[in-house]
Amino acid sequence: MDIKKFDHQDRSSTNGTLIRESWKIFQIIAEFVEGFERLSSIKPSVSVFGSARVPPSSPYYKLAEDVARQLSDAGFSVVSGGGPGIMEAANKGAQAGKSPSIGLNIELPREQVANPYQDIALDFRHFFSRKVMFVKYASAYVVLPGGFGTLDELAEILTLVQTGKTPKIPIILVHRPFWEKLIDWFKENLVAEGAIDQEDMELFQVIDEPREVVEAIFTFYEDRGFEPSSREREILLDL
């Protein structure tokens, strides 16, 4: 093949891709703008995470529904990923309560089908813009049993709080039997190897009962209220 011809074809392909990527910026901006506009009024809110693969017959589904119902009745908007499984349970429980049920839906080749229990539903194509919405208005993170996506969200919020890129908020892992081996691994490997500090283990707590989840969040904010301080607002603006 003639190298000049090959180079010309390669440049043409690159230029076409660059044009598409440049226009994609506007799509990303639109996702952020809509998210900011529609979610800024839902405070205080709690972001709830868990597996999309959990069936309604699972005890994890019932646990998520109970947690979300109690959060909703306590005055917290509940934000989930908008899909099936634990996300559906969270939206269902929240909608049965007194506060808004919000779903941040994402287009995926499999698993993600929007559940019908959303008072506010936003659709995203990009994980990173969706992640910002989970964090930006959250007063707490509640993490139920899940897979890679759930672990990704957990690692994200732990990293943001650890590095000071977002204010400290309650990060609650629900159902100790599911999480205890991971926590042991944190201690025996990450702490022992110096990959994290011992005090980083205090960034999260493990709770089993839905009522205790709500109590832990109120205890955290008891002396300061839910509104971020002026310094925290500046941090969130740079998120």
C-alpha atoms as a PDB file:
ATOM      1  CA  MET A   1       0.000   0.000   0.000  1.00  0.00           C
ATOM      2  CA  ASP A   2       1.236   3.482  -0.841  1.00  0.00           C
ATOM      3  CA  ILE A   3       2.228   5.174   2.434  1.00  0.00           C
ATOM      4  CA  LYS A   4       1.035   8.591   1.224  1.00  0.00           C
ATOM      5  CA  LYS A   5      -2.391   7.207   0.348  1.00  0.00           C
ATOM      6  CA  PHE A   6      -2.554   5.431   3.688  1.00  0.00           C
ATOM      7  CA  ASP A   7      -1.568   8.637   5.526  1.00  0.00           C
ATOM      8  CA  HIS A   8      -4.249  10.610   3.673  1.00  0.00           C
ATOM      9  CA  GLN A   9      -6.934   8.078   4.608  1.00  0.00           C
ATOM     10  CA  ASP A  10      -5.775   8.065   8.225  1.00  0.00           C
ATOM     11  CA  ARG A  11      -5.896  11.868   8.426  1.00  0.00           C
ATOM     12  CA  SER A  12      -9.387  11.941   6.890  1.00  0.00           C
ATOM     13  CA  SER A  13     -10.604   9.446   9.460  1.00  0.00           C
ATOM     14  CA  THR A  14      -8.955  11.412  12.282  1.00  0.00           C
ATOM     15  CA  ASN A  15     -10.535  14.679  11.130  1.00  0.00           C
ATOM     16  CA  GLY A  16     -13.976  13.059  11.030  1.00  0.00           C
ATOM     17  CA  THR A  17     -13.528  11.675  14.529  1.00  0.00           C
ATOM     18  CA  LEU A  18     -12.314  15.046  15.820  1.00  0.00           C
ATOM     19  CA  ILE A  19     -15.410  16.784  14.453  1.00  0.00           C
ATOM     20  CA  ARG A  20     -17.687  14.238  16.128  1.00  0.00           C
ATOM     21  CA  GLU A  21     -15.805  14.549  19.415  1.00  0.00           C
ATOM     22  CA  SER A  22     -15.966  18.356  19.274  1.00  0.00           C
ATOM     23  CA  TRP A  23     -19.738  18.298  18.830  1.00  0.00           C
ATOM     24  CA  LYS A  24     -19.981  15.782  21.678  1.00  0.00           C
ATOM     25  CA  ILE A  25     -18.823  18.535  24.035  1.00  0.00           C
ATOM     26  CA  PHE A  26     -22.219  20.201  23.621  1.00  0.00           C
ATOM     27  CA  GLN A  27     -23.969  16.954  24.503  1.00  0.00           C
ATOM     28  CA  ILE A  28     -21.886  16.714  27.681  1.00  0.00           C
ATOM     29  CA  ILE A  29     -22.586  20.347  28.567  1.00  0.00           C
ATOM     30  CA  ALA A  30     -26.321  19.716  28.086  1.00  0.00           C
ATOM     31  CA  GLU A  31     -26.185  16.793  30.525  1.00  0.00           C
ATOM     32  CA  PHE A  32     -24.518  18.940  33.160  1.00  0.00           C
ATOM     33  CA  VAL A  33     -26.877  21.893  32.661  1.00  0.00           C
ATOM     34  CA  GLU A  34     -30.011  19.769  32.901  1.00  0.00           C
ATOM     35  CA  GLY A  35     -28.646  17.954  35.931  1.00  0.00           C
ATOM     36  CA  PHE A  36     -27.789  21.180  37.754  1.00  0.00           C
ATOM     37  CA  GLU A  37     -31.152  22.742  36.952  1.00  0.00           C
ATOM     38  CA  ARG A  38     -33.299  19.771  37.951  1.00  0.00           C
ATOM     39  CA  LEU A  39     -31.361  18.543  40.989  1.00  0.00           C
ATOM     40  CA  SER A  40     -30.377  21.772  42.733  1.00  0.00           C
ATOM     41  CA  SER A  41     -33.739  21.906  44.537  1.00  0.00           C
ATOM     42  CA  ILE A  42     -33.830  18.328  45.871  1.00  0.00           C
ATOM     43  CA  LYS A  43     -31.632  18.913  48.924  1.00  0.00           C
ATOM     44  CA  PRO A  44     -31.151  17.260  51.323  1.00  0.00           C
ATOM     45  CA  SER A  45     -30.700  14.081  49.325  1.00  0.00           C
ATOM     46  CA  VAL A  46     -29.084  10.695  49.735  1.00  0.00           C
ATOM     47  CA  SER A  47     -27.520   8.749  46.872  1.00  0.00           C
ATOM     48  CA  VAL A  48     -28.244   5.019  47.096  1.00  0.00           C
ATOM     49  CA  PHE A  49     -26.276   2.358  45.215  1.00  0.00           C
ATOM     50  CA  GLY A  50     -26.531  -1.385  44.675  1.00  0.00           C
ATOM     51  CA  SER A  51     -26.703  -4.193  42.163  1.00  0.00           C
ATOM     52  CA  ALA A  52     -28.900  -4.013  39.064  1.00  0.00           C
ATOM     53  CA  ARG A  53     -29.098  -7.831  39.088  1.00  0.00           C
ATOM     54  CA  VAL A  54     -30.965  -8.309  42.364  1.00  0.00           C
ATOM     55  CA  PRO A  55     -34.503  -9.669  41.813  1.00  0.00           C
ATOM     56  CA  PRO A  56     -37.511  -8.380  43.786  1.00  0.00           C
ATOM     57  CA  SER A  57     -37.537 -11.692  45.680  1.00  0.00           C
ATOM     58  CA  SER A  58     -34.075 -11.016  47.147  1.00  0.00           C
ATOM     59  CA  PRO A  59     -33.732  -9.887  50.772  1.00  0.00           C
ATOM     60  CA  TYR A  60     -31.368  -7.187  49.461  1.00  0.00           C
ATOM     61  CA  TYR A  61     -34.238  -5.719  47.417  1.00  0.00           C
ATOM     62  CA  LYS A  62     -36.448  -5.540  50.513  1.00  0.00           C
ATOM     63  CA  LEU A  63     -33.585  -4.063  52.536  1.00  0.00           C
ATOM     64  CA  ALA A  64     -33.002  -1.327  49.942  1.00  0.00           C
ATOM     65  CA  GLU A  65     -36.722  -0.570  49.771  1.00  0.00           C
ATOM     66  CA  ASP A  66     -36.922  -0.243  53.569  1.00  0.00           C
ATOM     67  CA  VAL A  67     -33.835   1.978  53.742  1.00  0.00           C
ATOM     68  CA  ALA A  68     -35.163   4.275  51.019  1.00  0.00           C
ATOM     69  CA  ARG A  69     -38.642   4.468  52.539  1.00  0.00           C
ATOM     70  CA  GLN A  70     -37.249   5.518  55.897  1.00  0.00           C
ATOM     71  CA  LEU A  71     -34.937   8.070  54.273  1.00  0.00           C
ATOM     72  CA  SER A  72     -37.844   9.488  52.280  1.00  0.00           C
ATOM     73  CA  ASP A  73     -40.124   9.719  55.297  1.00  0.00           C
ATOM     74  CA  ALA A  74     -37.307  11.448  57.203  1.00  0.00           C
ATOM     75  CA  GLY A  75     -37.221  14.198  54.538  1.00  0.00           C
ATOM     76  CA  PHE A  76     -34.411  13.042  52.221  1.00  0.00           C
ATOM     77  CA  SER A  77     -34.811  12.914  48.472  1.00  0.00           C
ATOM     78  CA  VAL A  78     -33.488   9.549  47.326  1.00  0.00           C
ATOM     79  CA  VAL A  79     -31.260   9.359  44.246  1.00  0.00           C
ATOM     80  CA  SER A  80     -30.532   6.056  42.525  1.00  0.00           C
ATOM     81  CA  GLY A  81     -29.122   4.966  39.192  1.00  0.00           C
ATOM     82  CA  GLY A  82     -32.678   4.589  37.918  1.00  0.00           C
ATOM     83  CA  GLY A  83     -32.324   0.987  36.775  1.00  0.00           C
ATOM     84  CA  PRO A  84     -33.577  -2.393  38.025  1.00  0.00           C
ATOM     85  CA  GLY A  85     -32.552  -4.359  41.100  1.00  0.00           C
ATOM     86  CA  ILE A  86     -31.535  -2.386  44.163  1.00  0.00           C
ATOM     87  CA  MET A  87     -31.874   0.856  42.201  1.00  0.00           C
ATOM     88  CA  GLU A  88     -35.519   0.038  41.548  1.00  0.00           C
ATOM     89  CA  ALA A  89     -36.046  -0.923  45.189  1.00  0.00           C
ATOM     90  CA  ALA A  90     -34.580   2.403  46.304  1.00  0.00           C
ATOM     91  CA  ASN A  91     -36.818   4.397  43.977  1.00  0.00           C
ATOM     92  CA  LYS A  92     -39.844   2.324  44.951  1.00  0.00           C
ATOM     93  CA  GLY A  93     -39.256   2.839  48.651  1.00  0.00           C
ATOM     94  CA  ALA A  94     -38.617   6.548  48.188  1.00  0.00           C
ATOM     95  CA  GLN A  95     -41.746   7.055  46.093  1.00  0.00           C
ATOM     96  CA  ALA A  96     -43.838   5.350  48.772  1.00  0.00           C
ATOM     97  CA  GLY A  97     -42.480   7.880  51.279  1.00  0.00           C
ATOM     98  CA  LYS A  98     -42.829  11.642  51.606  1.00  0.00           C
ATOM     99  CA  SER A  99     -39.891  12.865  49.538  1.00  0.00           C
ATOM    100  CA  PRO A 100     -38.955  12.822  45.839  1.00  0.00           C
ATOM    101  CA  SER A 101     -37.637   9.703  44.149  1.00  0.00           C
ATOM    102  CA  ILE A 102     -34.932  10.502  41.569  1.00  0.00           C
ATOM    103  CA  GLY A 103     -33.341   8.278  38.941  1.00  0.00           C
ATOM    104  CA  LEU A 104     -30.142   9.085  37.059  1.00  0.00           C
ATOM    105  CA  ASN A 105     -30.542   6.721  34.144  1.00  0.00           C
ATOM    106  CA  ILE A 106     -27.743   5.704  31.786  1.00  0.00           C
ATOM    107  CA  GLU A 107     -27.800   4.097  28.363  1.00  0.00           C
ATOM    108  CA  LEU A 108     -26.112   0.679  28.524  1.00  0.00           C
ATOM    109  CA  PRO A 109     -26.044  -2.316  26.160  1.00  0.00           C
ATOM    110  CA  ARG A 110     -27.457  -4.551  28.931  1.00  0.00           C
ATOM    111  CA  GLU A 111     -28.974  -4.447  32.422  1.00  0.00           C
ATOM    112  CA  GLN A 112     -30.057  -0.806  32.470  1.00  0.00           C
ATOM    113  CA  VAL A 113     -33.803  -0.466  31.948  1.00  0.00           C
ATOM    114  CA  ALA A 114     -35.407   2.527  33.660  1.00  0.00           C
ATOM    115  CA  ASN A 115     -37.637   1.549  36.555  1.00  0.00           C
ATOM    116  CA  PRO A 116     -41.146   3.074  36.879  1.00  0.00           C
ATOM    117  CA  TYR A 117     -40.729   4.556  40.372  1.00  0.00           C
ATOM    118  CA  GLN A 118     -39.087   7.884  39.501  1.00  0.00           C
ATOM    119  CA  ASP A 119     -40.604  11.285  40.244  1.00  0.00           C
ATOM    120  CA  ILE A 120     -37.642  12.933  38.538  1.00  0.00           C
ATOM    121  CA  ALA A 121     -35.846  11.026  35.779  1.00  0.00           C
ATOM    122  CA  LEU A 122     -32.679  12.210  34.042  1.00  0.00           C
ATOM    123  CA  ASP A 123     -31.001  10.377  31.177  1.00  0.00           C
ATOM    124  CA  PHE A 124     -27.227  10.276  30.692  1.00  0.00           C
ATOM    125  CA  ARG A 125     -24.913   8.901  28.028  1.00  0.00           C
ATOM    126  CA  HIS A 126     -21.720   9.573  29.972  1.00  0.00           C
ATOM    127  CA  PHE A 127     -20.780   7.961  33.259  1.00  0.00           C
ATOM    128  CA  PHE A 128     -18.614  10.880  34.369  1.00  0.00           C
ATOM    129  CA  SER A 129     -21.355  13.533  34.160  1.00  0.00           C
ATOM    130  CA  ARG A 130     -23.757  11.149  35.911  1.00  0.00           C
ATOM    131  CA  LYS A 131     -21.196  10.580  38.668  1.00  0.00           C
ATOM    132  CA  VAL A 132     -20.955  14.305  39.329  1.00  0.00           C
ATOM    133  CA  MET A 133     -24.729  14.437  39.845  1.00  0.00           C
ATOM    134  CA  PHE A 134     -24.582  11.611  42.379  1.00  0.00           C
ATOM    135  CA  VAL A 135     -22.014  13.533  44.423  1.00  0.00           C
ATOM    136  CA  LYS A 136     -22.844  17.201  43.979  1.00  0.00           C
ATOM    137  CA  TYR A 137     -26.111  17.352  45.911  1.00  0.00           C
ATOM    138  CA  ALA A 138     -25.705  14.315  48.186  1.00  0.00           C
ATOM    139  CA  SER A 139     -25.831  14.681  51.940  1.00  0.00           C
ATOM    140  CA  ALA A 140     -24.878  11.011  52.296  1.00  0.00           C
ATOM    141  CA  TYR A 141     -23.948   7.902  50.304  1.00  0.00           C
ATOM    142  CA  VAL A 142     -25.707   4.633  51.116  1.00  0.00           C
ATOM    143  CA  VAL A 143     -24.133   1.595  49.465  1.00  0.00           C
ATOM    144  CA  LEU A 144     -25.912  -1.757  49.402  1.00  0.00           C
ATOM    145  CA  PRO A 145     -24.582  -5.042  47.966  1.00  0.00           C
ATOM    146  CA  GLY A 146     -23.533  -4.716  44.342  1.00  0.00           C
ATOM    147  CA  GLY A 147     -20.961  -5.437  41.672  1.00  0.00           C
ATOM    148  CA  PHE A 148     -18.343  -3.463  39.747  1.00  0.00           C
ATOM    149  CA  GLY A 149     -20.574  -0.405  39.235  1.00  0.00           C
ATOM    150  CA  THR A 150     -21.372  -0.223  42.943  1.00  0.00           C
ATOM    151  CA  LEU A 151     -17.709  -0.625  43.879  1.00  0.00           C
ATOM    152  CA  ASP A 152     -16.822   2.056  41.348  1.00  0.00           C
ATOM    153  CA  GLU A 153     -19.183   4.547  42.983  1.00  0.00           C
ATOM    154  CA  LEU A 154     -17.917   3.601  46.447  1.00  0.00           C
ATOM    155  CA  ALA A 155     -14.273   4.051  45.424  1.00  0.00           C
ATOM    156  CA  GLU A 156     -15.157   7.352  43.749  1.00  0.00           C
ATOM    157  CA  ILE A 157     -16.703   8.954  46.835  1.00  0.00           C
ATOM    158  CA  LEU A 158     -14.003   7.584  49.147  1.00  0.00           C
ATOM    159  CA  THR A 159     -11.327   9.074  46.888  1.00  0.00           C
ATOM    160  CA  LEU A 160     -13.072  12.444  46.610  1.00  0.00           C
ATOM    161  CA  VAL A 161     -13.503  12.754  50.381  1.00  0.00           C
ATOM    162  CA  GLN A 162     -10.010  11.412  51.132  1.00  0.00           C
ATOM    163  CA  THR A 163      -8.409  13.966  48.789  1.00  0.00           C
ATOM    164  CA  GLY A 164     -10.611  16.869  49.896  1.00  0.00           C
ATOM    165  CA  LYS A 165     -12.218  17.288  46.470  1.00  0.00           C
ATOM    166  CA  THR A 166     -15.657  17.045  48.043  1.00  0.00           C
ATOM    167  CA  PRO A 167     -16.798  17.767  51.623  1.00  0.00           C
ATOM    168  CA  LYS A 168     -16.909  14.887  54.080  1.00  0.00           C
ATOM    169  CA  ILE A 169     -20.321  13.205  54.158  1.00  0.00           C
ATOM    170  CA  PRO A 170     -21.612   9.980  55.724  1.00  0.00           C
ATOM    171  CA  ILE A 171     -20.633   6.963  53.601  1.00  0.00           C
ATOM    172  CA  ILE A 172     -22.644   3.989  54.809  1.00  0.00           C
ATOM    173  CA  LEU A 173     -22.195   0.381  53.733  1.00  0.00           C
ATOM    174  CA  VAL A 174     -25.353  -1.601  54.435  1.00  0.00           C
ATOM    175  CA  HIS A 175     -25.345  -5.291  55.436  1.00  0.00           C
ATOM    176  CA  ARG A 176     -22.122  -6.250  57.170  1.00  0.00           C
ATOM    177  CA  PRO A 177     -21.992  -9.905  56.024  1.00  0.00           C
ATOM    178  CA  PHE A 178     -21.644  -8.725  52.420  1.00  0.00           C
ATOM    179  CA  TRP A 179     -18.943  -6.123  53.090  1.00  0.00           C
ATOM    180  CA  GLU A 180     -16.836  -7.560  55.907  1.00  0.00           C
ATOM    181  CA  LYS A 181     -14.366  -9.491  53.718  1.00  0.00           C
ATOM    182  CA  LEU A 182     -13.722  -6.389  51.621  1.00  0.00           C
ATOM    183  CA  ILE A 183     -13.165  -4.360  54.781  1.00  0.00           C
ATOM    184  CA  ASP A 184     -10.784  -7.025  56.087  1.00  0.00           C
ATOM    185  CA  TRP A 185      -8.906  -6.769  52.778  1.00  0.00           C
ATOM    186  CA  PHE A 186      -8.681  -2.989  53.202  1.00  0.00           C
ATOM    187  CA  LYS A 187      -7.097  -3.495  56.620  1.00  0.00           C
ATOM    188  CA  GLU A 188      -4.855  -6.434  55.801  1.00  0.00           C
ATOM    189  CA  ASN A 189      -3.595  -5.142  52.456  1.00  0.00           C
ATOM    190  CA  LEU A 190      -4.239  -1.434  51.834  1.00  0.00           C
ATOM    191  CA  VAL A 191      -3.506  -0.232  55.371  1.00  0.00           C
ATOM    192  CA  ALA A 192      -0.753  -2.783  55.980  1.00  0.00           C
ATOM    193  CA  GLU A 193       1.007  -1.870  52.725  1.00  0.00           C
ATOM    194  CA  GLY A 194       0.639   1.864  53.340  1.00  0.00           C
ATOM    195  CA  ALA A 195      -1.628   2.344  50.315  1.00  0.00           C
ATOM    196  CA  ILE A 196      -4.129   4.117  52.595  1.00  0.00           C
ATOM    197  CA  ASP A 197      -3.836   5.444  56.145  1.00  0.00           C
ATOM    198  CA  GLN A 198      -5.475   3.814  59.140  1.00  0.00           C
ATOM    199  CA  GLU A 199      -7.661   6.902  59.587  1.00  0.00           C
ATOM    200  CA  ASP A 200      -9.029   6.415  56.064  1.00  0.00           C
ATOM    201  CA  MET A 201     -10.952   3.466  57.485  1.00  0.00           C
ATOM    202  CA  GLU A 202     -13.011   6.039  59.375  1.00  0.00           C
ATOM    203  CA  LEU A 203     -14.329   7.561  56.138  1.00  0.00           C
ATOM    204  CA  PHE A 204     -17.120   4.980  56.084  1.00  0.00           C
ATOM    205  CA  GLN A 205     -19.246   2.982  58.487  1.00  0.00           C
ATOM    206  CA  VAL A 206     -21.088  -0.330  58.256  1.00  0.00           C
ATOM    207  CA  ILE A 207     -24.735  -0.552  59.340  1.00  0.00           C
ATOM    208  CA  ASP A 208     -27.311  -3.320  59.133  1.00  0.00           C
ATOM    209  CA  GLU A 209     -30.651  -1.770  60.089  1.00  0.00           C
ATOM    210  CA  PRO A 210     -32.544   0.804  57.949  1.00  0.00           C
ATOM    211  CA  ARG A 211     -33.473   2.854  61.018  1.00  0.00           C
ATOM    212  CA  GLU A 212     -29.819   3.071  62.023  1.00  0.00           C
ATOM    213  CA  VAL A 213     -28.890   4.361  58.558  1.00  0.00           C
ATOM    214  CA  VAL A 214     -31.190   7.349  59.041  1.00  0.00           C
ATOM    215  CA  GLU A 215     -29.973   7.899  62.601  1.00  0.00           C
ATOM    216  CA  ALA A 216     -26.327   7.873  61.499  1.00  0.00           C
ATOM    217  CA  ILE A 217     -26.974  10.591  58.922  1.00  0.00           C
ATOM    218  CA  PHE A 218     -28.825  12.808  61.391  1.00  0.00           C
ATOM    219  CA  THR A 219     -26.084  12.275  63.990  1.00  0.00           C
ATOM    220  CA  PHE A 220     -23.446  13.427  61.496  1.00  0.00           C
ATOM    221  CA  TYR A 221     -25.307  16.673  60.779  1.00  0.00           C
ATOM    222  CA  GLU A 222     -26.641  17.264  64.295  1.00  0.00           C
ATOM    223  CA  ASP A 223     -24.268  20.111  65.175  1.00  0.00           C
ATOM    224  CA  ARG A 224     -23.927  21.741  61.768  1.00  0.00           C
ATOM    225  CA  GLY A 225     -27.099  21.331  59.697  1.00  0.00           C
ATOM    226  CA  PHE A 226     -27.411  20.092  56.131  1.00  0.00           C
ATOM    227  CA  GLU A 227     -26.485  23.289  54.315  1.00  0.00           C
ATOM    228  CA  PRO A 228     -22.831  23.325  53.207  1.00  0.00           C
ATOM    229  CA  SER A 229     -20.570  25.993  54.636  1.00  0.00           C
ATOM    230  CA  SER A 230     -19.220  28.724  52.369  1.00  0.00           C
ATOM    231  CA  ARG A 231     -15.933  26.797  52.088  1.00  0.00           C
ATOM    232  CA  GLU A 232     -17.790  23.590  51.185  1.00  0.00           C
ATOM    233  CA  ARG A 233     -19.780  25.424  48.548  1.00  0.00           C
ATOM    234  CA  GLU A 234     -16.521  26.546  46.948  1.00  0.00           C
ATOM    235  CA  ILE A 235     -15.243  22.967  46.962  1.00  0.00           C
ATOM    236  CA  LEU A 236     -18.442  21.743  45.304  1.00  0.00           C
ATOM    237  CA  LEU A 237     -18.181  24.424  42.627  1.00  0.00           C
ATOM    238  CA  ASP A 238     -14.799  22.961  41.646  1.00  0.00           C
ATOM    239  CA  LEU A 239     -16.018  19.354  41.686  1.00  0.00           C
END
